[in-house]
Protein backbone atom coordinates (compact mmCIF):
# COMPACT_ATOMS: atom_id res chain seq x y z
CA MET A 1 75.57 85.20 76.49
CA LEU A 2 77.58 88.00 78.06
CA ILE A 3 77.69 88.11 81.84
CA LEU A 4 76.91 91.55 83.22
CA SER A 5 78.18 93.23 86.33
CA VAL A 6 76.46 92.31 89.57
CA LEU A 7 72.83 93.15 90.08
CA GLY A 8 71.94 91.75 93.46
CA LEU A 9 69.08 92.03 95.91
CA LEU A 10 70.66 92.13 99.34
CA SER A 11 67.67 92.09 101.62
CA GLY A 12 65.42 89.74 103.52
CA CYS A 13 66.89 87.92 106.46
CA SER A 14 70.12 89.90 106.83
CA HIS A 15 72.82 91.74 104.91
CA TYR A 16 76.33 91.06 103.73
CA GLY A 17 79.12 92.77 105.63
CA LEU A 18 82.85 93.31 105.84
CA PRO A 19 85.31 91.99 108.43
CA PRO A 20 87.80 93.97 110.54
CA PRO A 21 91.38 94.69 109.41
CA ASN A 22 94.66 92.98 110.13
CA ALA A 23 98.11 93.23 108.59
CA ASN A 24 97.27 91.19 105.48
CA HIS A 25 97.69 93.26 102.30
CA GLY A 26 94.58 92.01 100.58
CA HIS A 27 92.42 92.31 103.64
CA LEU A 28 93.39 95.93 104.15
CA THR A 29 91.99 96.48 100.67
CA MET A 30 88.63 95.26 101.98
CA ALA A 31 88.85 97.55 104.98
CA MET A 32 89.72 100.48 102.72
CA ASP A 33 86.73 99.71 100.52
CA ALA A 34 84.50 99.80 103.59
CA TYR A 35 85.96 103.10 104.77
CA LEU A 36 85.64 104.84 101.41
CA ARG A 37 82.05 103.74 100.87
CA HIS A 38 80.70 104.37 104.36
CA LYS A 39 82.99 106.65 106.34
CA ALA A 40 80.28 107.49 108.88
CA SER A 41 79.60 103.85 109.69
CA TYR A 42 83.15 102.50 109.34
CA PRO A 43 83.39 101.02 112.89
CA TYR A 44 80.02 99.29 112.43
CA LEU A 45 81.02 97.84 109.05
CA LEU A 46 84.27 96.49 110.40
CA ASP A 47 82.33 94.69 113.11
CA ALA A 48 79.90 93.13 110.61
CA GLU A 49 79.75 89.53 109.44
CA ASN A 50 81.19 88.64 106.02
CA PHE A 51 79.34 86.22 103.75
CA GLY A 52 81.24 86.87 100.56
CA VAL A 53 80.47 89.26 97.75
CA PRO A 54 77.67 87.95 95.50
CA VAL A 55 79.12 87.84 91.98
CA LEU A 56 77.65 86.49 88.77
CA ARG A 57 79.06 83.12 87.76
CA MET A 58 80.94 83.37 84.48
CA ALA A 59 79.74 81.16 81.64
CA GLN A 60 82.37 78.81 80.27
CA THR A 61 81.60 80.06 76.76
CA ASP A 62 82.39 83.70 77.59
CA ALA A 63 85.25 84.94 75.46
CA PRO A 64 88.09 86.64 77.33
CA SER A 65 87.92 90.43 77.20
CA LEU A 66 90.14 92.34 74.82
CA GLU A 67 93.34 93.94 76.03
CA LEU A 68 93.85 97.28 74.36
CA ASP A 69 96.45 100.01 74.52
CA ALA A 70 95.41 103.65 74.75
CA ALA A 71 95.32 104.26 70.98
CA GLN A 72 93.39 101.07 70.29
CA ALA A 73 90.92 101.86 73.09
CA ALA A 74 90.09 105.24 71.56
CA LEU A 75 89.49 103.70 68.12
CA VAL A 76 87.36 100.89 69.56
CA HIS A 77 85.25 103.39 71.51
CA GLU A 78 84.62 105.46 68.37
CA GLU A 79 83.60 102.37 66.40
CA VAL A 80 81.23 101.21 69.16
CA VAL A 81 79.51 104.61 69.30
CA ARG A 82 79.00 104.56 65.54
CA THR A 83 77.55 101.06 65.72
CA LEU A 84 75.14 101.92 68.51
CA LYS A 85 73.88 105.02 66.71
CA GLY A 86 72.49 102.73 64.01
CA LYS A 87 70.26 99.66 64.28
CA PRO A 88 72.59 96.99 65.65
CA THR A 89 71.59 93.38 66.11
CA GLU A 90 71.50 91.93 69.61
CA GLY A 91 74.82 90.20 68.91
CA GLU A 92 76.40 93.50 67.87
CA VAL A 93 75.13 95.14 71.07
CA LEU A 94 76.72 92.37 73.15
CA ARG A 95 80.04 92.77 71.34
CA ALA A 96 79.81 96.54 71.78
CA LEU A 97 79.40 96.11 75.54
CA GLY A 98 82.47 93.86 75.74
CA ASP A 99 84.50 96.28 73.60
CA LEU A 100 83.48 99.24 75.77
CA ARG A 101 84.56 97.42 78.90
CA ALA A 102 87.90 96.59 77.31
CA ALA A 103 88.39 100.25 76.33
CA CYS A 104 87.48 101.35 79.85
CA ASP A 105 89.85 98.78 81.36
CA ALA A 106 92.58 100.29 79.20
CA GLY A 107 91.99 103.62 80.91
CA HIS A 108 90.09 105.37 78.12
CA GLU A 109 87.89 107.63 80.23
CA PRO A 110 85.29 108.46 77.52
CA ALA A 111 84.51 104.73 77.23
CA CYS A 112 84.02 104.50 81.00
CA THR A 113 81.73 107.55 80.97
CA TYR A 114 79.75 106.16 78.05
CA LEU A 115 79.21 102.90 79.91
CA GLU A 116 78.03 104.68 83.05
CA GLU A 117 75.58 106.83 81.10
CA GLU A 118 74.30 104.40 78.48
CA PHE A 119 74.34 100.95 80.12
CA GLN A 120 71.37 99.86 82.22
CA GLU A 121 71.31 96.54 84.07
CA PRO A 122 68.14 94.43 84.09
CA LYS A 123 65.67 95.32 86.82
CA ARG A 124 62.91 93.25 88.32
CA SER A 125 59.40 94.60 88.84
CA GLU A 126 58.44 96.49 91.96
CA HIS A 127 56.26 93.65 93.24
CA PRO A 128 57.32 92.80 96.82
CA LEU A 129 58.82 89.39 97.50
CA ARG A 130 57.76 87.01 100.24
CA TYR A 131 60.70 85.75 102.26
CA PRO A 132 60.66 82.28 103.80
CA ASP A 133 60.31 81.78 107.53
CA VAL A 134 63.89 81.67 108.85
CA LYS A 135 62.69 79.46 111.68
CA LYS A 136 62.37 76.71 109.07
CA LEU A 137 66.09 76.59 108.36
CA PRO A 138 67.36 72.99 108.40
CA GLY A 139 68.19 71.68 111.87
CA GLY A 140 71.46 72.94 113.27
CA VAL A 141 71.92 75.62 110.57
CA GLU A 142 72.52 79.12 111.95
CA PHE A 143 73.23 80.94 108.67
CA ALA A 144 72.22 80.18 105.10
CA VAL A 145 72.87 81.85 101.76
CA VAL A 146 70.58 81.64 98.74
CA ILE A 147 71.95 82.76 95.36
CA VAL A 148 70.23 82.27 92.02
CA GLN A 149 71.36 83.51 88.63
CA CYS A 150 68.51 84.08 86.18
CA HIS A 151 68.56 84.45 82.41
CA ILE A 152 66.60 87.47 81.19
CA SER A 153 65.75 87.73 77.50
CA ALA A 154 65.66 90.95 75.49
CA ASP A 155 61.87 91.09 75.90
CA GLY A 156 62.20 91.05 79.69
CA ARG A 157 61.03 87.50 80.24
CA MET A 158 62.86 85.22 82.64
CA ARG A 159 64.04 82.13 80.76
CA GLY A 160 65.11 80.08 83.74
CA CYS A 161 67.51 80.29 86.68
CA ASP A 162 70.58 78.43 87.88
CA VAL A 163 70.78 77.79 91.60
CA ILE A 164 74.30 78.84 92.64
CA GLU A 165 73.73 78.29 96.37
CA ASP A 166 70.75 77.09 98.35
CA GLY A 167 71.76 76.49 101.91
CA ALA A 168 68.31 77.29 103.26
CA GLY A 169 66.25 74.19 102.64
CA GLU A 170 65.26 74.79 99.01
CA PHE A 171 64.18 78.38 99.60
CA SER A 172 65.44 79.07 96.07
CA ARG A 173 62.36 77.42 94.57
CA SER A 174 60.08 80.02 96.13
CA PHE A 175 62.30 82.90 95.01
CA ILE A 176 62.51 81.61 91.42
CA GLU A 177 58.72 81.25 91.21
CA GLN A 178 58.25 84.80 92.45
CA LEU A 179 60.94 86.28 90.18
CA GLY A 180 59.39 84.61 87.14
CA ALA A 181 55.86 85.82 87.89
CA HIS A 182 56.44 89.32 86.48
CA PRO A 183 58.40 90.71 83.51
CA PHE A 184 61.79 92.34 84.02
CA GLN A 185 63.03 95.57 82.56
CA PRO A 186 65.69 94.15 80.23
CA ALA A 187 69.29 95.30 80.06
CA THR A 188 69.99 98.06 77.55
CA LEU A 189 73.00 99.74 75.99
CA ALA A 190 72.32 103.13 74.40
CA GLY A 191 68.65 102.13 74.42
CA HIS A 192 69.18 98.77 72.66
CA ARG A 193 67.82 95.74 74.53
CA PHE A 194 69.76 92.51 74.89
CA ALA A 195 69.69 89.25 76.84
CA SER A 196 71.57 89.26 80.12
CA GLU A 197 71.92 87.70 83.56
CA TYR A 198 70.30 88.78 86.83
CA LEU A 199 71.73 87.84 90.22
CA PHE A 200 69.53 87.41 93.29
CA ALA A 201 71.25 86.85 96.65
CA VAL A 202 69.89 86.69 100.18
CA THR A 203 71.39 85.72 103.53
CA CYS A 204 69.31 84.28 106.37
CA SER A 205 70.07 83.68 110.02
CA ARG A 206 67.94 81.60 112.34
CA GLY A 207 67.50 84.42 114.84
CA GLY A 208 67.23 87.14 112.19
CA ASN A 209 69.98 89.01 114.02
CA TYR A 210 72.47 90.58 111.60
CA LYS A 211 75.11 91.14 114.30
CA TYR A 212 74.96 87.57 115.58
CA LYS A 213 78.45 86.05 115.34
CA LEU A 214 79.52 82.48 114.93
CA PRO A 215 82.53 81.39 117.00
CA LEU A 216 85.68 81.48 114.90
CA GLU A 217 85.97 77.71 114.52
CA GLN A 218 82.37 77.43 113.34
CA LYS A 219 82.80 80.40 111.04
CA MET A 220 85.79 78.82 109.28
CA GLY A 221 84.07 75.45 109.18
CA TRP A 222 80.99 77.02 107.61
CA ALA A 223 83.11 78.81 104.98
CA ARG A 224 84.79 75.53 104.00
CA LEU A 225 81.45 73.70 103.99
CA ARG A 226 80.01 76.23 101.54
CA VAL A 227 82.73 75.70 98.94
CA SER A 228 82.46 71.92 99.33
CA ARG A 229 78.69 72.00 98.81
CA PHE A 230 78.69 74.72 96.14
CA PRO A 231 82.07 74.50 94.35
CA GLU A 232 80.92 76.75 91.47
CA SER A 233 79.76 79.62 93.70
CA PRO A 234 81.98 82.72 93.41
CA ALA A 235 80.49 84.11 96.63
CA ALA A 236 81.40 80.97 98.58
CA TRP A 237 85.02 81.06 97.40
CA ILE A 238 85.31 84.81 98.02
CA ASN A 239 83.93 84.29 101.52
CA LEU A 240 86.47 81.56 102.25
CA ALA A 241 89.30 83.68 100.82
CA MET A 242 88.31 86.66 102.94
CA GLN A 243 87.93 84.58 106.08
CA LEU A 244 91.38 83.07 105.52
CA ALA A 245 92.86 86.51 104.87
CA LEU A 246 91.35 87.68 108.13
CA HIS A 247 91.93 84.68 110.40
CA GLU A 248 94.43 82.29 108.77
CA PRO A 249 96.55 84.21 106.21
CA GLN A 250 99.34 81.62 106.50
CA ALA A 251 97.04 78.65 105.80
CA PRO A 252 98.55 76.37 103.12
CA GLU A 253 95.25 76.43 101.21
CA TYR A 254 95.11 80.23 100.96
CA PRO A 255 96.94 80.62 97.59
CA GLU A 256 94.77 77.95 95.98
CA VAL A 257 91.60 79.52 97.37
CA ILE A 258 92.56 82.94 96.01
CA GLU A 259 93.21 81.50 92.57
CA ARG A 260 89.92 79.62 92.56
CA ALA A 261 88.04 82.76 93.61
CA TYR A 262 89.80 84.76 90.91
CA ALA A 263 88.99 82.17 88.25
CA LEU A 264 85.29 82.42 89.12
CA ALA A 265 85.17 86.20 89.69
CA PRO A 266 88.06 87.95 87.87
CA ARG A 267 86.33 91.33 88.03
CA ALA A 268 85.69 91.27 91.79
CA ARG A 269 88.00 94.05 92.95
CA TRP A 270 89.39 92.59 96.17
CA VAL A 271 90.02 89.19 94.61
CA ALA A 272 91.62 90.74 91.52
CA THR A 273 93.84 92.95 93.69
CA GLU A 274 94.96 90.07 95.89
CA HIS A 275 95.61 87.86 92.84
CA SER A 276 97.55 90.66 91.16
CA TRP A 277 99.57 91.37 94.31
CA ARG A 278 100.59 87.73 94.48
CA GLN A 279 101.68 87.88 90.84
CA VAL A 280 103.81 90.94 91.59
CA GLN A 281 105.55 89.03 94.38
CA ALA A 282 106.23 86.22 91.88
CA GLY A 283 107.73 88.65 89.36
CA GLN A 284 104.87 88.21 86.89
CA TYR A 285 104.44 91.94 86.35
CA ALA A 286 102.66 91.99 82.97
CA ALA A 287 100.11 89.42 84.17
CA ALA A 288 99.64 91.38 87.40
CA LEU A 289 98.97 94.59 85.51
CA SER A 290 96.49 92.82 83.25
CA ALA A 291 94.64 91.39 86.26
CA ILE A 292 94.43 94.72 88.08
CA ARG A 293 93.28 96.82 85.12
CA PRO A 294 89.51 96.27 85.55
CA ALA A 295 89.77 97.09 89.26
CA LEU A 296 91.88 100.15 88.49
CA HIS A 297 89.32 101.63 86.12
CA ASP A 298 85.93 100.61 87.53
CA SER A 299 83.52 103.40 88.38
CA GLU A 300 83.90 103.15 92.16
CA GLN A 301 87.69 103.19 91.91
CA ARG A 302 87.64 106.32 89.75
CA GLU A 303 85.33 108.12 92.19
CA HIS A 304 87.11 106.89 95.35
CA PRO A 305 90.61 105.69 94.37
CA ASN A 306 91.65 102.77 96.55
CA PRO A 307 95.29 103.12 97.67
CA TYR A 308 95.83 99.35 97.69
CA VAL A 309 94.67 98.99 94.10
CA LEU A 310 96.96 101.89 93.17
CA GLU A 311 99.86 100.40 95.14
CA THR A 312 99.46 97.10 93.31
CA ALA A 313 99.37 98.82 89.92
CA ALA A 314 102.45 100.87 90.86
CA ALA A 315 104.39 97.74 91.79
CA ALA A 316 103.46 96.08 88.49
CA HIS A 317 104.51 99.17 86.51
CA PHE A 318 107.78 99.40 88.45
CA GLY A 319 108.55 95.77 87.70
CA LEU A 320 108.07 96.54 83.99
CA TYR A 321 110.46 99.54 84.24
CA ARG A 322 107.62 102.01 83.67
CA CYS A 323 108.86 104.64 86.08
CA ALA A 324 106.47 107.45 85.24
CA GLU A 325 103.41 105.24 85.71
CA ALA A 326 104.80 103.63 88.88
CA LEU A 327 105.58 106.97 90.49
CA ALA A 328 102.23 108.47 89.56
CA ALA A 329 100.28 105.52 90.95
CA GLN A 330 102.27 105.33 94.19
CA ARG A 331 102.09 109.08 94.76
CA GLN A 332 98.34 108.95 94.35
CA ALA A 333 98.17 105.94 96.66
CA VAL A 334 99.96 107.93 99.37
CA ASP A 335 97.67 110.92 98.84
CA GLU A 336 94.50 108.81 99.01
CA LEU A 337 95.27 107.13 102.35
CA PRO A 338 92.85 108.52 104.95
CA SER A 339 94.43 110.52 107.77
CA GLU A 340 92.86 108.04 110.22
CA TRP A 341 94.77 105.11 108.71
CA PRO A 342 97.39 103.41 110.94
CA SER A 343 100.73 105.26 110.97
CA PRO A 344 102.88 102.15 110.22
CA GLU A 345 100.85 101.50 107.10
CA ARG A 346 101.08 105.12 105.97
CA GLU A 347 104.86 105.00 106.49
CA ARG A 348 105.08 101.79 104.48
CA PHE A 349 103.37 103.49 101.53
CA LYS A 350 105.72 106.51 101.78
CA HIS A 351 108.78 104.30 102.03
CA ARG A 352 107.76 102.43 98.89
CA LEU A 353 107.38 105.75 97.06
CA GLN A 354 110.84 106.82 98.23
CA GLU A 355 112.26 103.54 96.87
CA TYR A 356 110.69 104.22 93.47
CA GLU A 357 111.96 107.82 93.47
CA ALA A 358 115.47 106.68 94.36
CA THR A 359 115.51 104.20 91.49
CA CYS A 360 113.62 106.22 88.89
CA GLY A 361 114.63 109.77 89.71
CA ALA A 362 112.16 112.59 89.28
CA ALA A 363 110.23 110.97 86.44
CA PRO A 364 107.33 113.15 85.21
CA ALA A 365 103.98 112.32 86.79
CA VAL A 366 101.21 110.90 84.62
CA SER A 367 97.67 109.95 85.49
CA ALA A 368 97.50 106.61 87.28
CA ARG A 369 93.91 106.26 86.13
């Protein structure tokens, strides 16, 4: 069964947030994401608590996505459209979705547009959910995360759920019972239904206060406890990676944590960017470019280009002696930095562009997207 992009319910006891910036490359990507999504509330977001991005857990049977060049992507997109205009089987619809994502990752804009217009994630009914009493959290627990991943058939029926995290005293049982009580609107591609996955995630705090902060030592201890208790939870590993990036970027465990988070959530943009950046530093440019491609071409990136994603792609292109692509991506990265961004960081971006220009010369600009 193909795993879809995230469909989460972030409500109930409190919300997920983003941490404040420091000099770590990957963490500045998080801060930039926060700024571009919510410019008006940027200071508030940077002061918020981070619990990790809820991401669907990949099935071990999922085949790796195709890697296509521009010409192949165009042909694949045309074939998918022809298939979906007919009466495809559910298996053909699933393959079509994977092929469209591969074509979009390759930068074929019509495939990205087709996905945005024709793909609908599964949706639960409008029936309100009853949230557990946060005062009943297990003794000594200040925060708890509940994440369940449910299997939705093509007829909209829930066929069971996997509990990814349940740090709230078996609250997941109540949520699963309520989710299964009503049919879902199944996932569709160009109007064709198919089986998919639905992610439900909620964060609770004993006091119900979103801005309540754990002391740093407890915060790091809690992040490590989550991955030890729920080693297959992408959100737990992303949370630990982000907390290390923020508070302990030199920790010996940080590289291993990043790789584990990437293995569980390769399409999570911050994790993919950090993983790709590390590959660039190791001289693994082709692998870095492959890892960053989904982040480079996702819908949010195309609408609000993230300079750190662009910078990473530029470095990978430069390492592969692709001057035109490297220059285009780095120029766009410089242009997309907000005027409010710290001057030393803006100068670092400009200096990197000057280095590329000095090596490459005035190579013609091409679209970095």
